[in-house]
Protein backbone atom coordinates (compact mmCIF):
# COMPACT_ATOMS: atom_id res chain seq x y z
CA UNK A 1 9.28 -16.59 -1.26
CA UNK A 2 10.43 -13.15 -0.14
CA UNK A 3 11.94 -10.63 -2.54
CA UNK A 4 13.92 -7.84 -0.86
CA UNK A 5 13.65 -5.07 -3.44
CA UNK A 6 15.56 -1.81 -3.76
CA UNK A 7 12.95 0.84 -4.53
CA UNK A 8 15.48 3.31 -5.89
CA UNK A 9 15.95 6.90 -4.69
CA UNK A 10 12.41 8.16 -5.11
CA UNK A 11 11.49 8.59 -8.78
CA UNK A 12 9.12 5.66 -9.44
CA UNK A 13 10.75 5.12 -12.83
CA UNK A 14 14.11 4.43 -11.15
CA UNK A 15 13.05 1.10 -9.66
CA UNK A 16 14.57 -1.75 -11.67
CA UNK A 17 12.48 -3.65 -14.20
CA UNK A 18 12.83 -6.79 -12.06
CA UNK A 19 11.90 -4.92 -8.88
CA UNK A 20 8.76 -3.49 -10.49
CA UNK A 21 7.81 -6.94 -11.81
CA UNK A 22 7.95 -8.50 -8.35
CA UNK A 23 6.15 -5.53 -6.81
CA UNK A 24 3.31 -5.92 -9.32
CA UNK A 25 3.01 -9.65 -8.57
CA UNK A 26 3.33 -9.58 -4.78
CA UNK A 27 0.55 -10.79 -2.50
CA UNK A 28 2.09 -8.94 0.46
CA UNK A 29 4.16 -5.74 0.32
CA UNK A 30 6.05 -4.42 3.34
CA UNK A 31 7.53 -1.04 2.48
CA UNK A 32 9.70 1.42 4.39
CA UNK A 33 7.10 4.16 4.54
CA UNK A 34 9.35 6.76 6.13
CA UNK A 35 11.60 6.82 3.03
CA UNK A 36 10.05 4.98 0.07
CA UNK A 37 8.01 7.12 -2.30
CA UNK A 38 4.38 5.95 -1.84
CA UNK A 39 3.85 6.49 -5.58
CA UNK A 40 5.58 3.12 -6.05
CA UNK A 41 2.59 1.43 -4.44
CA UNK A 42 0.66 2.20 -7.64
CA UNK A 43 2.54 -0.74 -9.16
CA UNK A 44 1.01 -3.15 -6.64
CA UNK A 45 -1.79 -5.39 -7.84
CA UNK A 46 -5.33 -4.78 -6.68
CA UNK A 47 -5.99 -6.56 -3.41
CA UNK A 48 -2.36 -6.79 -2.33
CA UNK A 49 -1.84 -6.68 1.43
CA UNK A 50 0.31 -3.60 2.17
CA UNK A 51 2.16 -2.84 5.40
CA UNK A 52 4.10 0.33 6.29
CA UNK A 53 7.15 -0.88 8.24
CA UNK A 54 7.73 2.60 9.69
CA UNK A 55 5.21 1.58 12.33
CA UNK A 56 6.52 -1.97 12.81
CA UNK A 57 9.24 -3.65 14.85
CA UNK A 58 11.57 -6.28 13.39
CA UNK A 59 9.53 -9.02 15.09
CA UNK A 60 6.34 -7.65 13.54
CA UNK A 61 7.91 -7.55 10.06
CA UNK A 62 9.11 -11.14 10.41
CA UNK A 63 5.73 -12.24 11.76
CA UNK A 64 3.98 -10.74 8.71
CA UNK A 65 6.35 -12.64 6.42
CA UNK A 66 5.87 -15.89 8.37
CA UNK A 67 2.07 -15.54 8.01
CA UNK A 68 2.41 -14.92 4.28
CA UNK A 69 4.66 -17.96 3.89
CA UNK A 70 2.21 -20.15 5.79
CA UNK A 71 -0.51 -19.06 3.37
CA UNK A 72 1.65 -19.68 0.30
CA UNK A 73 1.90 -16.00 -0.54
CA UNK A 74 4.75 -14.08 -2.15
CA UNK A 75 6.13 -11.09 -0.24
CA UNK A 76 8.06 -8.04 -1.41
CA UNK A 77 10.07 -6.23 1.26
CA UNK A 78 10.52 -2.80 -0.32
CA UNK A 79 13.50 -0.76 0.87
CA UNK A 80 14.62 2.68 -0.22
CA UNK A 81 17.59 3.10 -2.59
CA UNK A 82 19.72 -0.02 -2.62
CA UNK A 83 18.92 -2.26 0.36
CA UNK A 84 22.60 -3.11 0.96
CA UNK A 85 23.37 0.47 2.10
CA UNK A 86 21.88 1.42 5.48
CA UNK A 87 18.95 -0.87 4.70
CA UNK A 88 18.96 -2.89 7.95
CA UNK A 89 18.31 -6.01 5.88
CA UNK A 90 20.94 -8.28 7.41
CA UNK A 91 18.92 -8.83 10.58
CA UNK A 92 15.87 -9.63 8.47
CA UNK A 93 17.75 -12.10 6.29
CA UNK A 94 19.22 -13.77 9.38
CA UNK A 95 15.69 -14.13 10.77
CA UNK A 96 14.51 -15.65 7.49
CA UNK A 97 17.46 -18.07 7.50
CA UNK A 98 16.59 -19.26 11.00
CA UNK A 99 13.05 -20.00 9.86
CA UNK A 100 13.99 -21.62 6.55
CA UNK A 101 12.31 -18.88 4.52
CA UNK A 102 13.66 -18.49 0.98
CA UNK A 103 14.51 -14.98 -0.18
CA UNK A 104 16.54 -13.04 -2.70
CA UNK A 105 17.73 -9.44 -3.02
CA UNK A 106 17.01 -7.17 -5.98
CA UNK A 107 19.49 -4.27 -6.04
CA UNK A 108 18.33 -0.69 -6.53
CA UNK A 109 19.65 2.73 -7.49
CA UNK A 110 21.14 4.26 -4.34
CA UNK A 111 20.46 7.86 -3.39
CA UNK A 112 24.18 8.67 -3.56
CA UNK A 113 24.05 7.82 -7.28
CA UNK A 114 20.84 9.77 -7.81
CA UNK A 115 22.60 12.67 -6.08
CA UNK A 116 25.45 12.51 -8.61
CA UNK A 117 22.88 12.60 -11.40
CA UNK A 118 21.10 15.57 -9.83
CA UNK A 119 24.41 17.41 -9.55
CA UNK A 120 25.42 16.36 -13.08
CA UNK A 121 28.68 15.34 -11.50
CA UNK A 122 31.17 12.48 -11.85
CA UNK A 123 32.58 11.47 -8.47
CA UNK A 124 35.84 10.02 -9.83
CA UNK A 125 37.78 12.62 -11.80
CA UNK A 126 41.37 11.87 -12.91
CA UNK A 127 43.90 13.70 -10.79
CA UNK A 128 41.25 14.79 -8.28
CA UNK A 129 39.64 11.73 -6.72
CA UNK A 130 39.51 8.06 -7.66
CA UNK A 131 37.80 6.94 -4.46
CA UNK A 132 34.26 7.37 -3.18
CA UNK A 133 33.66 6.97 0.56
CA UNK A 134 30.09 6.15 1.60
CA UNK A 135 29.62 6.88 5.28
CA UNK A 136 27.60 8.61 7.97
CA UNK A 137 28.30 10.76 11.00
CA UNK A 138 28.05 9.18 14.40
CA UNK A 139 24.67 9.67 16.02
CA UNK A 140 22.43 7.22 17.85
CA UNK A 141 24.17 4.48 15.86
CA UNK A 142 27.85 4.38 16.90
CA UNK A 143 30.67 4.47 14.33
CA UNK A 144 34.00 2.65 14.82
CA UNK A 145 36.82 5.05 15.74
CA UNK A 146 38.73 4.31 12.54
CA UNK A 147 35.63 5.20 10.47
CA UNK A 148 34.73 8.53 12.05
CA UNK A 149 34.57 11.49 9.69
CA UNK A 150 37.73 13.02 11.11
CA UNK A 151 39.69 9.86 10.24
CA UNK A 152 38.14 9.40 6.79
CA UNK A 153 38.76 13.05 5.88
CA UNK A 154 42.50 12.34 5.79
CA UNK A 155 42.01 10.56 2.44
CA UNK A 156 40.70 13.73 0.73
CA UNK A 157 38.48 11.48 -1.39
CA UNK A 158 34.95 12.16 -2.59
CA UNK A 159 32.73 11.57 0.42
CA UNK A 160 28.99 10.85 0.33
CA UNK A 161 27.53 11.25 3.80
CA UNK A 162 24.18 9.66 4.58
CA UNK A 163 21.83 10.28 7.51
CA UNK A 164 23.73 13.28 8.85
CA UNK A 165 22.12 16.48 7.63
CA UNK A 166 20.65 17.29 11.06
CA UNK A 167 24.22 17.27 12.42
CA UNK A 168 25.72 19.43 9.66
CA UNK A 169 27.56 21.75 12.08
CA UNK A 170 29.35 18.77 13.59
CA UNK A 171 29.97 17.18 10.19
CA UNK A 172 31.71 20.32 8.91
CA UNK A 173 33.85 20.63 12.04
CA UNK A 174 34.97 17.01 11.81
CA UNK A 175 35.79 17.22 8.11
CA UNK A 176 37.90 20.35 8.52
CA UNK A 177 39.61 18.91 11.61
CA UNK A 178 40.41 15.79 9.60
CA UNK A 179 42.09 17.59 6.75
CA UNK A 180 39.62 19.07 4.27
CA UNK A 181 40.34 22.74 3.61
CA UNK A 182 37.60 25.19 4.52
CA UNK A 183 37.19 26.09 0.83
CA UNK A 184 36.44 22.48 -0.17
CA UNK A 185 33.24 22.34 -2.25
CA UNK A 186 30.20 20.74 -0.69
CA UNK A 187 26.75 20.00 -2.06
CA UNK A 188 23.55 19.18 -0.22
CA UNK A 189 20.89 17.38 -2.27
CA UNK A 190 17.51 16.87 -0.67
CA UNK A 191 15.27 14.12 -2.08
CA UNK A 192 17.35 13.42 -5.18
CA UNK A 193 15.11 12.41 -8.12
CA UNK A 194 11.87 13.42 -6.35
CA UNK A 195 9.76 16.26 -7.84
CA UNK A 196 10.67 18.44 -4.82
CA UNK A 197 14.41 17.84 -5.24
CA UNK A 198 16.51 20.70 -3.84
CA UNK A 199 20.23 21.42 -4.35
CA UNK A 200 22.47 23.74 -2.35
CA UNK A 201 26.13 24.20 -3.33
CA UNK A 202 28.73 25.94 -1.21
CA UNK A 203 32.00 25.35 0.63
CA UNK A 204 32.65 23.81 4.02
CA UNK A 205 33.23 27.29 5.42
CA UNK A 206 29.81 28.61 4.41
CA UNK A 207 27.39 25.69 3.97
CA UNK A 208 25.89 25.78 7.48
CA UNK A 209 24.92 29.42 7.09
CA UNK A 210 23.62 28.93 3.55
CA UNK A 211 21.18 26.13 4.34
CA UNK A 212 19.83 27.74 7.52
CA UNK A 213 16.74 29.11 5.74
CA UNK A 214 16.46 26.35 3.14
CA UNK A 215 14.19 23.96 5.07
CA UNK A 216 16.50 21.00 4.41
CA UNK A 217 15.29 17.85 6.17
CA UNK A 218 16.73 14.45 7.04
CA UNK A 219 16.31 13.00 3.54
CA UNK A 220 19.29 14.98 2.23
CA UNK A 221 22.65 13.66 1.02
CA UNK A 222 25.91 15.50 1.77
CA UNK A 223 28.68 15.32 -0.86
CA UNK A 224 32.13 16.73 -0.16
CA UNK A 225 34.75 16.69 -2.91
CA UNK A 226 37.16 18.72 -4.98
CA UNK A 227 35.33 17.11 -7.91
CA UNK A 228 32.55 19.63 -7.36
CA UNK A 229 33.99 22.37 -9.50
CA UNK A 230 37.64 21.51 -10.13
CA UNK A 231 39.94 21.42 -13.13
CA UNK A 232 40.84 17.83 -13.87
CA UNK A 233 42.85 15.65 -16.21
CA UNK A 234 41.01 14.16 -19.18
CA UNK A 235 40.46 10.41 -19.09
CA UNK A 236 43.22 8.46 -20.82
CA UNK A 237 40.60 6.02 -22.17
CA UNK A 238 39.59 8.41 -24.95
CA UNK A 239 42.94 10.12 -25.55
CA UNK A 240 44.01 9.70 -29.22
CA UNK A 241 47.57 8.70 -28.24
CA UNK A 242 46.37 6.02 -25.79
CA UNK A 243 46.15 2.39 -26.98
CA UNK A 244 43.96 -0.28 -25.45
CA UNK A 245 42.53 -3.65 -26.50
CA UNK A 246 39.78 -2.08 -28.62
CA UNK A 247 41.66 0.78 -30.31
CA UNK A 248 45.15 1.57 -31.57
CA UNK A 249 46.67 4.93 -30.67
CA UNK A 250 46.80 7.59 -33.36
CA UNK A 251 50.27 8.43 -34.66
């Protein structure tokens, strides 16, 4: 059996209870060493076979799983954040399906959610934004034309941009060209939930200059939204004059 486990954003305590349970029981652990906090490996049992997939190809990962299955061992494939978002798990699951290998997926806390927590920010404020776009800028991996930043910017929604901090100049240009005003708030959060977490807040007009000396690396999330410092309408859910199935409105 293979358990594909979301490791969470970095803080070892933000792995799910179920994910930690499987990690502690696994005979074989294959973890994404370029992104997963190695502190999570402390949960592995003594004697567990551990592989860093940063140095492995897909074929090598699958081969390690096939060997474990042949020996009746249980494998945890440990991915950063939630494995469904930029986790490259589909190709692994397809390979397992072809070989008749049973697997399941244990969701995790994504870095875009840990970023919201670090910022102490709600992404969906009434009257400001009720939509969150999770995306990335085009780089070595192409992006469909309809999903490029310039096109998505037309929605003026809250946008969480993965894997793009090294292209920040281009990101800013595309967002402004697509419709965001230059004074739109932006936040960069590096390694959300890690001890070395770093936050930089600015506007689209000034963010490139402001992070130039900040030593921000590729593990940073970009958030663009009017939610980051805007006046907003209070939620109707808790308004005294608002009725719903659990509470009558006050007169």
